[in-house]
Amino acid sequence: MPKKIAIIGATGYTGSELARILVCHPEVEIALITSQSHSGKRFSDIHPFFRDILETELQTADKLAEAKIDLAFLALPHGVSMTFAEKFKNANFKIIDLSGDFRLNTPESYEEWYQKEHTFKEGFEKAIYGLPELFGDEIAEAELVANPGCYPTSAILALLPLIRENLIEPSCVIIDSKSGTTGAGVKAKAATHFSNVNDNFKAYGLKKHRHSIEIQQVLEKAGNRDLTLQFTPHLLPIDRGILTTAYAKPSGFISEEQLKSLYRSFYADKPFVRLVNSPPAVKDVRGSNYCDFFATYDERTNNIIVISVLDNLVKGAARQAVQNMNIMFGFDERTGLHMVPVNP
C-alpha cells in the first residue's frame, strides 16, 4: 500500500519540484497539497506544466489536521514551519521541514542568525539534520527532519571528508558559492528582477549570510572541533544550479593522489555523490539528485581546492527531501530519484 504524502505550501519552486518527483514515485501517493493564497484552484492552474498530470485541488493548510497521511513536507517560509511542527508534534505522521527553522543547533543560534523569535524551542531536541551522507542512521529513526539548505549541502559535502579525517587547518576555511535565482524563492524581489540579474553577477550577504552558521555547525559536529569559516554567496544570471569552490590549508603532507583516494573511498557507497576528473559545471547535474566534485591540491599555494556542483532545487532541496523520506520509510534511498541530468 503506498504511503500517503502531504505537501504543505506547494505553489513555490520547492513545492512544485516536490510534486514533480512524488507524482512518479512508485511507493507514495500525494494525498494533500495546500496553498493559502490559491485554495480551490487546481495545482495545474498554478503550474501549467502539470496539466493532465497532477490536477489535484489545492486546500488550505488547516486540512492537514484531518488528513490521513504518513508524512508531510513543509515547503513553507522560515518562521512559518515551526508553528506547524509544534501543532503536529504528537501527530501520527512524520515531518520533513524544508525551511531553516530547525537546521541550527539551538534556538538561540536561530534567533541570532534569522532575526526571528523561535516559538517551538523543544523541536530542536528531536529534529535531525537531513544530510543522508552524514546522518543516514539518525534520519531512519526520525520523526522530524530539517532538510539542509542548498548552499550548505554543496559546501558540507565538499569539505566533509577533510574535516572527518582531520586533514585541514581549522583556522581559516574559505567557501565561495554561486547560485541561480530560484534559490531566492518564487516571490518577486527587486534583487532578482530580470533587469537586475540578466548580464550581471554580484556577491550578497557578505559576512552575515545565515548559511554560514549552518555550514559551520554541521562541520564542527562532524569533525568534533571548532572551525573558522568564511562563506560568501553570489547570484548567477541562471535559473537553477549551485557551484561552490572551497579552499583549505592541509594540516600535514597530502598528495594529489591521496586527496582523490580519500574522496573516492569516503563517498564509495553514497549513490548521489560523484567524484569527477575535471572541474564540473552546473549543467552536469541539472534536474538530478547528484552532487559532483572535483578535488585537487595546489603545491604552489599549499591549498586544497574542492569544487562541487548541484541543482539547488533538487539535491539542494526537493530531491534531497525525498531521499530523506525514502530513508525514513525504509525504502532504498534511490527510489524515485533516478533522474538523468538535463544537459543542455
C-alpha atoms as a PDB file:
ATOM      1  CA  MET A   1       0.000   0.000   0.000  1.00  0.00           C
ATOM      2  CA  PRO A   2       1.536   3.371  -0.970  1.00  0.00           C
ATOM      3  CA  LYS A   3       2.451   5.881   1.700  1.00  0.00           C
ATOM      4  CA  LYS A   4       0.209   8.947   1.730  1.00  0.00           C
ATOM      5  CA  ILE A   5       2.051  12.248   1.455  1.00  0.00           C
ATOM      6  CA  ALA A   6       1.094  15.894   2.011  1.00  0.00           C
ATOM      7  CA  ILE A   7       2.890  18.887   0.509  1.00  0.00           C
ATOM      8  CA  ILE A   8       2.206  21.965   2.642  1.00  0.00           C
ATOM      9  CA  GLY A   9       2.904  25.109   0.642  1.00  0.00           C
ATOM     10  CA  ALA A  10       3.170  23.625  -2.826  1.00  0.00           C
ATOM     11  CA  THR A  11       2.975  26.671  -5.070  1.00  0.00           C
ATOM     12  CA  GLY A  12       6.612  27.805  -4.740  1.00  0.00           C
ATOM     13  CA  TYR A  13       9.591  26.414  -6.608  1.00  0.00           C
ATOM     14  CA  THR A  14      10.400  23.774  -3.996  1.00  0.00           C
ATOM     15  CA  GLY A  15       6.790  22.675  -3.621  1.00  0.00           C
ATOM     16  CA  SER A  16       6.343  22.205  -7.353  1.00  0.00           C
ATOM     17  CA  GLU A  17       9.656  20.328  -7.553  1.00  0.00           C
ATOM     18  CA  LEU A  18       8.474  18.005  -4.780  1.00  0.00           C
ATOM     19  CA  ALA A  19       5.264  17.341  -6.706  1.00  0.00           C
ATOM     20  CA  ARG A  20       7.243  16.658  -9.909  1.00  0.00           C
ATOM     21  CA  ILE A  21       9.235  13.961  -8.092  1.00  0.00           C
ATOM     22  CA  LEU A  22       6.467  12.426  -5.992  1.00  0.00           C
ATOM     23  CA  VAL A  23       3.944  12.109  -8.817  1.00  0.00           C
ATOM     24  CA  CYS A  24       6.268   9.485 -10.359  1.00  0.00           C
ATOM     25  CA  HIS A  25       7.440   7.858  -7.104  1.00  0.00           C
ATOM     26  CA  PRO A  26       6.417   4.170  -7.082  1.00  0.00           C
ATOM     27  CA  GLU A  27       5.895   3.906  -3.319  1.00  0.00           C
ATOM     28  CA  VAL A  28       3.864   7.022  -2.450  1.00  0.00           C
ATOM     29  CA  GLU A  29       0.635   8.844  -3.241  1.00  0.00           C
ATOM     30  CA  ILE A  30       0.119  12.600  -2.995  1.00  0.00           C
ATOM     31  CA  ALA A  31      -2.903  12.831  -0.706  1.00  0.00           C
ATOM     32  CA  LEU A  32      -2.952  16.567   0.051  1.00  0.00           C
ATOM     33  CA  ILE A  33      -1.493  19.722  -1.482  1.00  0.00           C
ATOM     34  CA  THR A  34      -2.067  23.062   0.213  1.00  0.00           C
ATOM     35  CA  SER A  35      -1.860  26.736  -0.629  1.00  0.00           C
ATOM     36  CA  GLN A  36      -3.332  29.514   1.479  1.00  0.00           C
ATOM     37  CA  SER A  37      -3.468  32.008  -1.382  1.00  0.00           C
ATOM     38  CA  HIS A  38      -4.677  29.645  -4.126  1.00  0.00           C
ATOM     39  CA  SER A  39      -7.014  27.236  -2.320  1.00  0.00           C
ATOM     40  CA  GLY A  40      -9.816  25.959  -4.543  1.00  0.00           C
ATOM     41  CA  LYS A  41      -7.711  26.150  -7.681  1.00  0.00           C
ATOM     42  CA  ARG A  42      -6.180  23.126  -9.356  1.00  0.00           C
ATOM     43  CA  PHE A  43      -2.464  22.553  -8.923  1.00  0.00           C
ATOM     44  CA  SER A  44      -2.068  22.765 -12.695  1.00  0.00           C
ATOM     45  CA  ASP A  45      -3.688  26.224 -12.693  1.00  0.00           C
ATOM     46  CA  ILE A  46      -0.625  27.483 -10.800  1.00  0.00           C
ATOM     47  CA  HIS A  47       1.907  25.221 -12.520  1.00  0.00           C
ATOM     48  CA  PRO A  48       0.673  24.665 -16.115  1.00  0.00           C
ATOM     49  CA  PHE A  49       3.402  22.087 -16.846  1.00  0.00           C
ATOM     50  CA  PHE A  50       1.400  19.678 -14.619  1.00  0.00           C
ATOM     51  CA  ARG A  51      -1.626  19.819 -16.959  1.00  0.00           C
ATOM     52  CA  ASP A  52      -3.205  16.331 -17.278  1.00  0.00           C
ATOM     53  CA  ILE A  53      -0.536  15.040 -14.872  1.00  0.00           C
ATOM     54  CA  LEU A  54      -1.496  16.448 -11.459  1.00  0.00           C
ATOM     55  CA  GLU A  55      -4.901  18.161 -11.336  1.00  0.00           C
ATOM     56  CA  THR A  56      -5.353  17.963  -7.545  1.00  0.00           C
ATOM     57  CA  GLU A  57      -7.377  20.765  -5.971  1.00  0.00           C
ATOM     58  CA  LEU A  58      -5.378  22.940  -3.591  1.00  0.00           C
ATOM     59  CA  GLN A  59      -6.600  23.003   0.013  1.00  0.00           C
ATOM     60  CA  THR A  60      -5.961  25.332   2.932  1.00  0.00           C
ATOM     61  CA  ALA A  61      -3.321  24.197   5.416  1.00  0.00           C
ATOM     62  CA  ASP A  62      -5.893  23.545   8.160  1.00  0.00           C
ATOM     63  CA  LYS A  63      -6.936  20.428   6.211  1.00  0.00           C
ATOM     64  CA  LEU A  64      -3.739  18.793   7.465  1.00  0.00           C
ATOM     65  CA  ALA A  65      -5.440  18.230  10.830  1.00  0.00           C
ATOM     66  CA  GLU A  66      -7.994  15.862   9.289  1.00  0.00           C
ATOM     67  CA  ALA A  67      -5.832  14.297   6.591  1.00  0.00           C
ATOM     68  CA  LYS A  68      -4.825  10.651   6.963  1.00  0.00           C
ATOM     69  CA  ILE A  69      -1.206  10.798   5.875  1.00  0.00           C
ATOM     70  CA  ASP A  70       2.128   9.165   6.659  1.00  0.00           C
ATOM     71  CA  LEU A  71       4.418  12.155   6.058  1.00  0.00           C
ATOM     72  CA  ALA A  72       4.150  15.889   5.449  1.00  0.00           C
ATOM     73  CA  PHE A  73       6.665  18.023   3.598  1.00  0.00           C
ATOM     74  CA  LEU A  74       6.659  21.592   4.907  1.00  0.00           C
ATOM     75  CA  ALA A  75       7.613  23.778   1.923  1.00  0.00           C
ATOM     76  CA  LEU A  76       6.987  26.937   3.906  1.00  0.00           C
ATOM     77  CA  PRO A  77       8.924  30.146   4.656  1.00  0.00           C
ATOM     78  CA  HIS A  78      11.330  30.438   7.578  1.00  0.00           C
ATOM     79  CA  GLY A  79       9.377  31.256  10.714  1.00  0.00           C
ATOM     80  CA  VAL A  80       6.181  29.575   9.499  1.00  0.00           C
ATOM     81  CA  SER A  81       7.184  25.908   9.572  1.00  0.00           C
ATOM     82  CA  MET A  82       7.831  25.961  13.319  1.00  0.00           C
ATOM     83  CA  THR A  83       4.138  26.609  14.034  1.00  0.00           C
ATOM     84  CA  PHE A  84       3.138  23.511  12.058  1.00  0.00           C
ATOM     85  CA  ALA A  85       5.869  21.399  13.673  1.00  0.00           C
ATOM     86  CA  GLU A  86       4.577  22.408  17.099  1.00  0.00           C
ATOM     87  CA  LYS A  87       0.901  21.925  16.265  1.00  0.00           C
ATOM     88  CA  PHE A  88       1.504  18.418  14.922  1.00  0.00           C
ATOM     89  CA  LYS A  89       4.283  17.327  17.280  1.00  0.00           C
ATOM     90  CA  ASN A  90       2.140  14.416  18.529  1.00  0.00           C
ATOM     91  CA  ALA A  91       0.573  13.530  15.188  1.00  0.00           C
ATOM     92  CA  ASN A  92       0.815  10.098  13.613  1.00  0.00           C
ATOM     93  CA  PHE A  93       2.816  11.319  10.622  1.00  0.00           C
ATOM     94  CA  LYS A  94       6.441  12.238  10.080  1.00  0.00           C
ATOM     95  CA  ILE A  95       7.570  15.728   9.054  1.00  0.00           C
ATOM     96  CA  ILE A  96      10.318  16.923   6.717  1.00  0.00           C
ATOM     97  CA  ASP A  97      10.802  20.668   7.037  1.00  0.00           C
ATOM     98  CA  LEU A  98      12.411  22.400   4.061  1.00  0.00           C
ATOM     99  CA  SER A  99      12.761  25.746   5.851  1.00  0.00           C
ATOM    100  CA  GLY A 100      15.614  26.758   8.133  1.00  0.00           C
ATOM    101  CA  ASP A 101      13.559  26.572  11.325  1.00  0.00           C
ATOM    102  CA  PHE A 102      15.333  23.508  12.783  1.00  0.00           C
ATOM    103  CA  ARG A 103      18.653  23.369  10.910  1.00  0.00           C
ATOM    104  CA  LEU A 104      20.786  25.037  13.584  1.00  0.00           C
ATOM    105  CA  ASN A 105      21.963  23.604  16.893  1.00  0.00           C
ATOM    106  CA  THR A 106      19.933  25.785  19.238  1.00  0.00           C
ATOM    107  CA  PRO A 107      17.002  28.230  19.196  1.00  0.00           C
ATOM    108  CA  GLU A 108      19.440  30.914  20.337  1.00  0.00           C
ATOM    109  CA  SER A 109      21.554  30.426  17.195  1.00  0.00           C
ATOM    110  CA  TYR A 110      18.403  30.574  15.096  1.00  0.00           C
ATOM    111  CA  GLU A 111      17.256  33.829  16.674  1.00  0.00           C
ATOM    112  CA  GLU A 112      20.696  35.401  16.220  1.00  0.00           C
ATOM    113  CA  TRP A 113      21.102  34.487  12.547  1.00  0.00           C
ATOM    114  CA  TYR A 114      17.488  34.562  11.333  1.00  0.00           C
ATOM    115  CA  GLN A 115      16.475  37.571  13.413  1.00  0.00           C
ATOM    116  CA  LYS A 116      13.209  35.869  14.384  1.00  0.00           C
ATOM    117  CA  GLU A 117      11.880  34.548  17.669  1.00  0.00           C
ATOM    118  CA  HIS A 118      11.656  30.762  17.702  1.00  0.00           C
ATOM    119  CA  THR A 119       8.345  29.628  19.169  1.00  0.00           C
ATOM    120  CA  PHE A 120       8.941  25.852  19.287  1.00  0.00           C
ATOM    121  CA  LYS A 121      12.253  25.502  21.071  1.00  0.00           C
ATOM    122  CA  GLU A 122      11.744  21.882  22.108  1.00  0.00           C
ATOM    123  CA  GLY A 123      11.656  20.960  18.431  1.00  0.00           C
ATOM    124  CA  PHE A 124      15.451  21.254  18.385  1.00  0.00           C
ATOM    125  CA  GLU A 125      15.664  18.254  20.727  1.00  0.00           C
ATOM    126  CA  LYS A 126      14.034  15.903  18.209  1.00  0.00           C
ATOM    127  CA  ALA A 127      14.964  17.407  14.834  1.00  0.00           C
ATOM    128  CA  ILE A 128      17.594  15.529  12.804  1.00  0.00           C
ATOM    129  CA  TYR A 129      19.673  17.368  10.213  1.00  0.00           C
ATOM    130  CA  GLY A 130      18.711  15.767   6.918  1.00  0.00           C
ATOM    131  CA  LEU A 131      22.032  15.198   5.181  1.00  0.00           C
ATOM    132  CA  PRO A 132      21.830  11.493   4.232  1.00  0.00           C
ATOM    133  CA  GLU A 133      25.562  11.147   3.565  1.00  0.00           C
ATOM    134  CA  LEU A 134      26.300  12.103   7.182  1.00  0.00           C
ATOM    135  CA  PHE A 135      23.244  11.337   9.317  1.00  0.00           C
ATOM    136  CA  GLY A 136      21.548   8.458   7.485  1.00  0.00           C
ATOM    137  CA  ASP A 137      21.155   6.249  10.590  1.00  0.00           C
ATOM    138  CA  GLU A 138      19.558   9.057  12.613  1.00  0.00           C
ATOM    139  CA  ILE A 139      17.275  10.035   9.729  1.00  0.00           C
ATOM    140  CA  ALA A 140      15.981   6.457   9.567  1.00  0.00           C
ATOM    141  CA  GLU A 141      14.588   6.794  13.109  1.00  0.00           C
ATOM    142  CA  ALA A 142      13.488  10.447  12.914  1.00  0.00           C
ATOM    143  CA  GLU A 143      10.019  11.937  13.239  1.00  0.00           C
ATOM    144  CA  LEU A 144      11.163  15.470  12.322  1.00  0.00           C
ATOM    145  CA  VAL A 145      13.888  16.084   9.734  1.00  0.00           C
ATOM    146  CA  ALA A 146      15.379  19.500   8.996  1.00  0.00           C
ATOM    147  CA  ASN A 147      16.208  19.414   5.288  1.00  0.00           C
ATOM    148  CA  PRO A 148      19.542  21.214   4.706  1.00  0.00           C
ATOM    149  CA  GLY A 149      19.973  24.479   2.847  1.00  0.00           C
ATOM    150  CA  CYS A 150      21.179  24.331  -0.757  1.00  0.00           C
ATOM    151  CA  TYR A 151      24.441  26.221  -0.205  1.00  0.00           C
ATOM    152  CA  PRO A 152      25.242  24.158   2.928  1.00  0.00           C
ATOM    153  CA  THR A 153      24.687  20.881   1.082  1.00  0.00           C
ATOM    154  CA  SER A 154      27.219  21.823  -1.587  1.00  0.00           C
ATOM    155  CA  ALA A 155      29.761  23.141   0.944  1.00  0.00           C
ATOM    156  CA  ILE A 156      29.412  20.449   3.613  1.00  0.00           C
ATOM    157  CA  LEU A 157      29.703  17.567   1.155  1.00  0.00           C
ATOM    158  CA  ALA A 158      32.748  19.241  -0.409  1.00  0.00           C
ATOM    159  CA  LEU A 159      34.611  19.538   2.896  1.00  0.00           C
ATOM    160  CA  LEU A 160      33.251  16.614   4.911  1.00  0.00           C
ATOM    161  CA  PRO A 161      35.978  14.021   4.125  1.00  0.00           C
ATOM    162  CA  LEU A 162      38.729  16.521   5.009  1.00  0.00           C
ATOM    163  CA  ILE A 163      37.030  17.530   8.261  1.00  0.00           C
ATOM    164  CA  ARG A 164      36.273  13.949   9.298  1.00  0.00           C
ATOM    165  CA  GLU A 165      39.882  12.859   8.760  1.00  0.00           C
ATOM    166  CA  ASN A 166      41.334  15.983  10.424  1.00  0.00           C
ATOM    167  CA  LEU A 167      43.326  16.825   7.284  1.00  0.00           C
ATOM    168  CA  ILE A 168      42.923  20.611   7.158  1.00  0.00           C
ATOM    169  CA  GLU A 169      43.757  23.573   9.366  1.00  0.00           C
ATOM    170  CA  PRO A 170      40.538  24.676  11.077  1.00  0.00           C
ATOM    171  CA  SER A 171      41.567  28.322  11.469  1.00  0.00           C
ATOM    172  CA  CYS A 172      40.551  29.558   8.009  1.00  0.00           C
ATOM    173  CA  VAL A 173      38.337  27.688   5.588  1.00  0.00           C
ATOM    174  CA  ILE A 174      37.012  29.730   2.658  1.00  0.00           C
ATOM    175  CA  ILE A 175      33.825  28.848   0.789  1.00  0.00           C
ATOM    176  CA  ASP A 176      32.941  30.760  -2.367  1.00  0.00           C
ATOM    177  CA  SER A 177      29.496  29.827  -3.750  1.00  0.00           C
ATOM    178  CA  LYS A 178      27.325  30.883  -6.686  1.00  0.00           C
ATOM    179  CA  SER A 179      23.626  30.150  -7.097  1.00  0.00           C
ATOM    180  CA  GLY A 180      20.885  30.553  -9.661  1.00  0.00           C
ATOM    181  CA  THR A 181      17.962  32.853  -8.925  1.00  0.00           C
ATOM    182  CA  THR A 182      15.485  30.132  -7.895  1.00  0.00           C
ATOM    183  CA  GLY A 183      17.408  29.904  -4.626  1.00  0.00           C
ATOM    184  CA  ALA A 184      15.715  33.179  -3.651  1.00  0.00           C
ATOM    185  CA  GLY A 185      12.233  31.674  -3.920  1.00  0.00           C
ATOM    186  CA  VAL A 186       9.260  32.361  -6.158  1.00  0.00           C
ATOM    187  CA  LYS A 187       8.202  35.676  -4.626  1.00  0.00           C
ATOM    188  CA  ALA A 188       9.272  38.699  -6.665  1.00  0.00           C
ATOM    189  CA  LYS A 189      12.115  40.774  -5.212  1.00  0.00           C
ATOM    190  CA  ALA A 190      13.986  43.745  -6.641  1.00  0.00           C
ATOM    191  CA  ALA A 191      17.302  41.888  -6.423  1.00  0.00           C
ATOM    192  CA  THR A 192      16.007  39.045  -8.598  1.00  0.00           C
ATOM    193  CA  HIS A 193      14.188  41.065 -11.244  1.00  0.00           C
ATOM    194  CA  PHE A 194      15.308  40.145 -14.762  1.00  0.00           C
ATOM    195  CA  SER A 195      16.841  43.591 -15.340  1.00  0.00           C
ATOM    196  CA  ASN A 196      18.992  43.213 -12.212  1.00  0.00           C
ATOM    197  CA  VAL A 197      20.078  39.625 -12.793  1.00  0.00           C
ATOM    198  CA  ASN A 198      20.477  39.433 -16.563  1.00  0.00           C
ATOM    199  CA  ASP A 199      24.012  40.113 -17.793  1.00  0.00           C
ATOM    200  CA  ASN A 200      25.074  40.725 -14.180  1.00  0.00           C
ATOM    201  CA  PHE A 201      26.919  38.979 -11.338  1.00  0.00           C
ATOM    202  CA  LYS A 202      27.293  40.012  -7.707  1.00  0.00           C
ATOM    203  CA  ALA A 203      28.032  38.915  -4.151  1.00  0.00           C
ATOM    204  CA  TYR A 204      25.484  39.327  -1.363  1.00  0.00           C
ATOM    205  CA  GLY A 205      25.009  38.508   2.320  1.00  0.00           C
ATOM    206  CA  LEU A 206      28.666  39.309   2.950  1.00  0.00           C
ATOM    207  CA  LYS A 207      29.871  38.173   6.416  1.00  0.00           C
ATOM    208  CA  LYS A 208      26.347  37.557   7.730  1.00  0.00           C
ATOM    209  CA  HIS A 209      24.582  35.067   5.475  1.00  0.00           C
ATOM    210  CA  ARG A 210      22.587  32.638   7.640  1.00  0.00           C
ATOM    211  CA  HIS A 211      24.008  29.627   5.817  1.00  0.00           C
ATOM    212  CA  SER A 212      27.450  30.474   7.240  1.00  0.00           C
ATOM    213  CA  ILE A 213      26.495  29.231  10.689  1.00  0.00           C
ATOM    214  CA  GLU A 214      24.631  26.196   9.300  1.00  0.00           C
ATOM    215  CA  ILE A 215      27.726  25.046   7.405  1.00  0.00           C
ATOM    216  CA  GLN A 216      29.998  25.753  10.356  1.00  0.00           C
ATOM    217  CA  GLN A 217      27.872  23.970  12.961  1.00  0.00           C
ATOM    218  CA  VAL A 218      27.443  20.803  10.890  1.00  0.00           C
ATOM    219  CA  LEU A 219      31.148  20.582  10.022  1.00  0.00           C
ATOM    220  CA  GLU A 220      32.140  21.261  13.646  1.00  0.00           C
ATOM    221  CA  LYS A 221      29.892  18.409  14.751  1.00  0.00           C
ATOM    222  CA  ALA A 222      31.297  16.121  12.060  1.00  0.00           C
ATOM    223  CA  GLY A 223      34.900  16.925  12.966  1.00  0.00           C
ATOM    224  CA  ASN A 224      34.344  17.348  16.716  1.00  0.00           C
ATOM    225  CA  ARG A 225      36.328  20.601  16.802  1.00  0.00           C
ATOM    226  CA  ASP A 226      35.912  24.343  16.319  1.00  0.00           C
ATOM    227  CA  LEU A 227      36.160  25.843  12.856  1.00  0.00           C
ATOM    228  CA  THR A 228      36.624  29.352  11.490  1.00  0.00           C
ATOM    229  CA  LEU A 229      34.787  29.612   8.205  1.00  0.00           C
ATOM    230  CA  GLN A 230      34.358  32.391   5.651  1.00  0.00           C
ATOM    231  CA  PHE A 231      31.331  31.959   3.388  1.00  0.00           C
ATOM    232  CA  THR A 232      30.439  34.311   0.525  1.00  0.00           C
ATOM    233  CA  PRO A 233      27.430  33.661  -1.747  1.00  0.00           C
ATOM    234  CA  HIS A 234      26.956  35.141  -5.227  1.00  0.00           C
ATOM    235  CA  LEU A 235      23.952  35.421  -7.536  1.00  0.00           C
ATOM    236  CA  LEU A 236      24.345  33.964 -11.025  1.00  0.00           C
ATOM    237  CA  PRO A 237      22.194  35.001 -14.017  1.00  0.00           C
ATOM    238  CA  ILE A 238      20.818  31.439 -14.388  1.00  0.00           C
ATOM    239  CA  ASP A 239      17.610  29.871 -13.121  1.00  0.00           C
ATOM    240  CA  ARG A 240      18.987  26.889 -11.162  1.00  0.00           C
ATOM    241  CA  GLY A 241      22.279  25.404 -10.034  1.00  0.00           C
ATOM    242  CA  ILE A 242      24.997  25.972  -7.424  1.00  0.00           C
ATOM    243  CA  LEU A 243      28.760  25.934  -7.902  1.00  0.00           C
ATOM    244  CA  THR A 244      30.874  26.027  -4.738  1.00  0.00           C
ATOM    245  CA  THR A 245      34.646  26.370  -4.531  1.00  0.00           C
ATOM    246  CA  ALA A 246      36.134  25.589  -1.112  1.00  0.00           C
ATOM    247  CA  TYR A 247      39.734  26.383  -0.104  1.00  0.00           C
ATOM    248  CA  ALA A 248      41.578  24.956   2.905  1.00  0.00           C
ATOM    249  CA  LYS A 249      45.175  24.532   4.114  1.00  0.00           C
ATOM    250  CA  PRO A 250      46.288  20.948   4.745  1.00  0.00           C
ATOM    251  CA  SER A 251      47.320  20.165   8.321  1.00  0.00           C
ATOM    252  CA  GLY A 252      50.183  17.976   7.056  1.00  0.00           C
ATOM    253  CA  PHE A 253      51.542  16.492   3.872  1.00  0.00           C
ATOM    254  CA  ILE A 254      48.961  15.382   1.326  1.00  0.00           C
ATOM    255  CA  SER A 255      49.482  14.417  -2.296  1.00  0.00           C
ATOM    256  CA  GLU A 256      47.066  14.787  -5.191  1.00  0.00           C
ATOM    257  CA  GLU A 257      46.531  11.036  -5.337  1.00  0.00           C
ATOM    258  CA  GLN A 258      45.957  10.764  -1.565  1.00  0.00           C
ATOM    259  CA  LEU A 259      43.347  13.508  -1.824  1.00  0.00           C
ATOM    260  CA  LYS A 260      41.442  11.850  -4.652  1.00  0.00           C
ATOM    261  CA  SER A 261      41.684   8.457  -2.963  1.00  0.00           C
ATOM    262  CA  LEU A 262      40.171   9.962   0.192  1.00  0.00           C
ATOM    263  CA  TYR A 263      37.137  11.273  -1.675  1.00  0.00           C
ATOM    264  CA  ARG A 264      36.680   8.058  -3.662  1.00  0.00           C
ATOM    265  CA  SER A 265      36.671   5.903  -0.534  1.00  0.00           C
ATOM    266  CA  PHE A 266      34.647   8.294   1.634  1.00  0.00           C
ATOM    267  CA  TYR A 267      31.762   8.505  -0.836  1.00  0.00           C
ATOM    268  CA  ALA A 268      32.096   4.996  -2.327  1.00  0.00           C
ATOM    269  CA  ASP A 269      28.690   3.864  -1.032  1.00  0.00           C
ATOM    270  CA  LYS A 270      26.887   7.207  -1.468  1.00  0.00           C
ATOM    271  CA  PRO A 271      24.805   6.897  -4.647  1.00  0.00           C
ATOM    272  CA  PHE A 272      24.312  10.604  -5.342  1.00  0.00           C
ATOM    273  CA  VAL A 273      27.882  11.849  -4.851  1.00  0.00           C
ATOM    274  CA  ARG A 274      30.205  11.620  -7.867  1.00  0.00           C
ATOM    275  CA  LEU A 275      33.932  12.389  -7.967  1.00  0.00           C
ATOM    276  CA  VAL A 276      34.853  13.674 -11.430  1.00  0.00           C
ATOM    277  CA  ASN A 277      38.185  14.143 -13.194  1.00  0.00           C
ATOM    278  CA  SER A 278      37.832  17.790 -14.205  1.00  0.00           C
ATOM    279  CA  PRO A 279      36.033  20.822 -12.751  1.00  0.00           C
ATOM    280  CA  PRO A 280      32.276  20.197 -13.097  1.00  0.00           C
ATOM    281  CA  ALA A 281      29.601  22.535 -14.454  1.00  0.00           C
ATOM    282  CA  VAL A 282      26.102  23.126 -13.105  1.00  0.00           C
ATOM    283  CA  LYS A 283      24.547  21.609 -16.250  1.00  0.00           C
ATOM    284  CA  ASP A 284      26.307  18.334 -15.401  1.00  0.00           C
ATOM    285  CA  VAL A 285      23.764  17.837 -12.592  1.00  0.00           C
ATOM    286  CA  ARG A 286      20.788  19.962 -13.665  1.00  0.00           C
ATOM    287  CA  GLY A 287      17.458  18.363 -12.696  1.00  0.00           C
ATOM    288  CA  SER A 288      19.148  15.435 -10.921  1.00  0.00           C
ATOM    289  CA  ASN A 289      19.947  14.478  -7.338  1.00  0.00           C
ATOM    290  CA  TYR A 290      23.692  14.277  -7.995  1.00  0.00           C
ATOM    291  CA  CYS A 291      26.384  16.363  -6.363  1.00  0.00           C
ATOM    292  CA  ASP A 292      29.584  16.290  -8.442  1.00  0.00           C
ATOM    293  CA  PHE A 293      33.050  17.042  -7.023  1.00  0.00           C
ATOM    294  CA  PHE A 294      36.496  17.828  -8.257  1.00  0.00           C
ATOM    295  CA  ALA A 295      39.252  17.822  -5.611  1.00  0.00           C
ATOM    296  CA  THR A 296      42.830  18.940  -6.185  1.00  0.00           C
ATOM    297  CA  TYR A 297      45.918  20.152  -4.315  1.00  0.00           C
ATOM    298  CA  ASP A 298      47.891  23.233  -5.372  1.00  0.00           C
ATOM    299  CA  GLU A 299      51.508  22.753  -4.279  1.00  0.00           C
ATOM    300  CA  ARG A 300      52.425  26.355  -5.128  1.00  0.00           C
ATOM    301  CA  THR A 301      49.900  27.906  -2.718  1.00  0.00           C
ATOM    302  CA  ASN A 302      49.582  24.907  -0.368  1.00  0.00           C
ATOM    303  CA  ASN A 303      45.804  24.956  -0.820  1.00  0.00           C
ATOM    304  CA  ILE A 304      43.356  22.108  -1.144  1.00  0.00           C
ATOM    305  CA  ILE A 305      40.685  23.165  -3.643  1.00  0.00           C
ATOM    306  CA  VAL A 306      37.346  21.370  -3.891  1.00  0.00           C
ATOM    307  CA  ILE A 307      34.707  22.329  -6.453  1.00  0.00           C
ATOM    308  CA  SER A 308      31.167  20.996  -6.098  1.00  0.00           C
ATOM    309  CA  VAL A 309      28.030  21.461  -8.181  1.00  0.00           C
ATOM    310  CA  LEU A 310      24.392  20.587  -7.536  1.00  0.00           C
ATOM    311  CA  ASP A 311      20.906  21.658  -8.543  1.00  0.00           C
ATOM    312  CA  ASN A 312      19.690  23.954  -5.761  1.00  0.00           C
ATOM    313  CA  LEU A 313      16.053  22.875  -6.194  1.00  0.00           C
ATOM    314  CA  VAL A 314      16.896  19.177  -6.322  1.00  0.00           C
ATOM    315  CA  LYS A 315      19.841  17.850  -4.261  1.00  0.00           C
ATOM    316  CA  GLY A 316      19.726  21.292  -2.627  1.00  0.00           C
ATOM    317  CA  ALA A 317      16.060  20.945  -1.679  1.00  0.00           C
ATOM    318  CA  ALA A 318      13.270  18.719  -3.016  1.00  0.00           C
ATOM    319  CA  ARG A 319      15.010  15.521  -4.140  1.00  0.00           C
ATOM    320  CA  GLN A 320      17.187  15.520  -1.028  1.00  0.00           C
ATOM    321  CA  ALA A 321      13.938  15.759   0.955  1.00  0.00           C
ATOM    322  CA  VAL A 322      12.581  12.748  -0.947  1.00  0.00           C
ATOM    323  CA  GLN A 323      15.879  10.929  -0.350  1.00  0.00           C
ATOM    324  CA  ASN A 324      15.307  11.564   3.367  1.00  0.00           C
ATOM    325  CA  MET A 325      11.702  10.335   3.059  1.00  0.00           C
ATOM    326  CA  ASN A 326      12.932   7.115   1.464  1.00  0.00           C
ATOM    327  CA  ILE A 327      15.308   6.526   4.371  1.00  0.00           C
ATOM    328  CA  MET A 328      12.596   7.306   6.953  1.00  0.00           C
ATOM    329  CA  PHE A 329      10.245   4.747   5.368  1.00  0.00           C
ATOM    330  CA  GLY A 330      12.942   2.096   4.913  1.00  0.00           C
ATOM    331  CA  PHE A 331      12.913   2.299   1.109  1.00  0.00           C
ATOM    332  CA  ASP A 332      16.071   2.159  -0.963  1.00  0.00           C
ATOM    333  CA  GLU A 333      17.231   5.783  -0.768  1.00  0.00           C
ATOM    334  CA  ARG A 334      17.463   5.928  -4.575  1.00  0.00           C
ATOM    335  CA  THR A 335      13.761   5.108  -5.105  1.00  0.00           C
ATOM    336  CA  GLY A 336      12.051   7.572  -7.416  1.00  0.00           C
ATOM    337  CA  LEU A 337      15.241   9.616  -7.822  1.00  0.00           C
ATOM    338  CA  HIS A 338      16.776   8.073 -10.949  1.00  0.00           C
ATOM    339  CA  MET A 339      16.752  11.270 -12.978  1.00  0.00           C
ATOM    340  CA  VAL A 340      19.485  11.686 -15.586  1.00  0.00           C
ATOM    341  CA  PRO A 341      20.821  15.286 -15.565  1.00  0.00           C
ATOM    342  CA  VAL A 342      19.342  17.590 -18.213  1.00  0.00           C
ATOM    343  CA  ASN A 343      22.151  18.865 -20.438  1.00  0.00           C
ATOM    344  CA  PRO A 344      21.949  21.077 -22.416  1.00  0.00           C
END
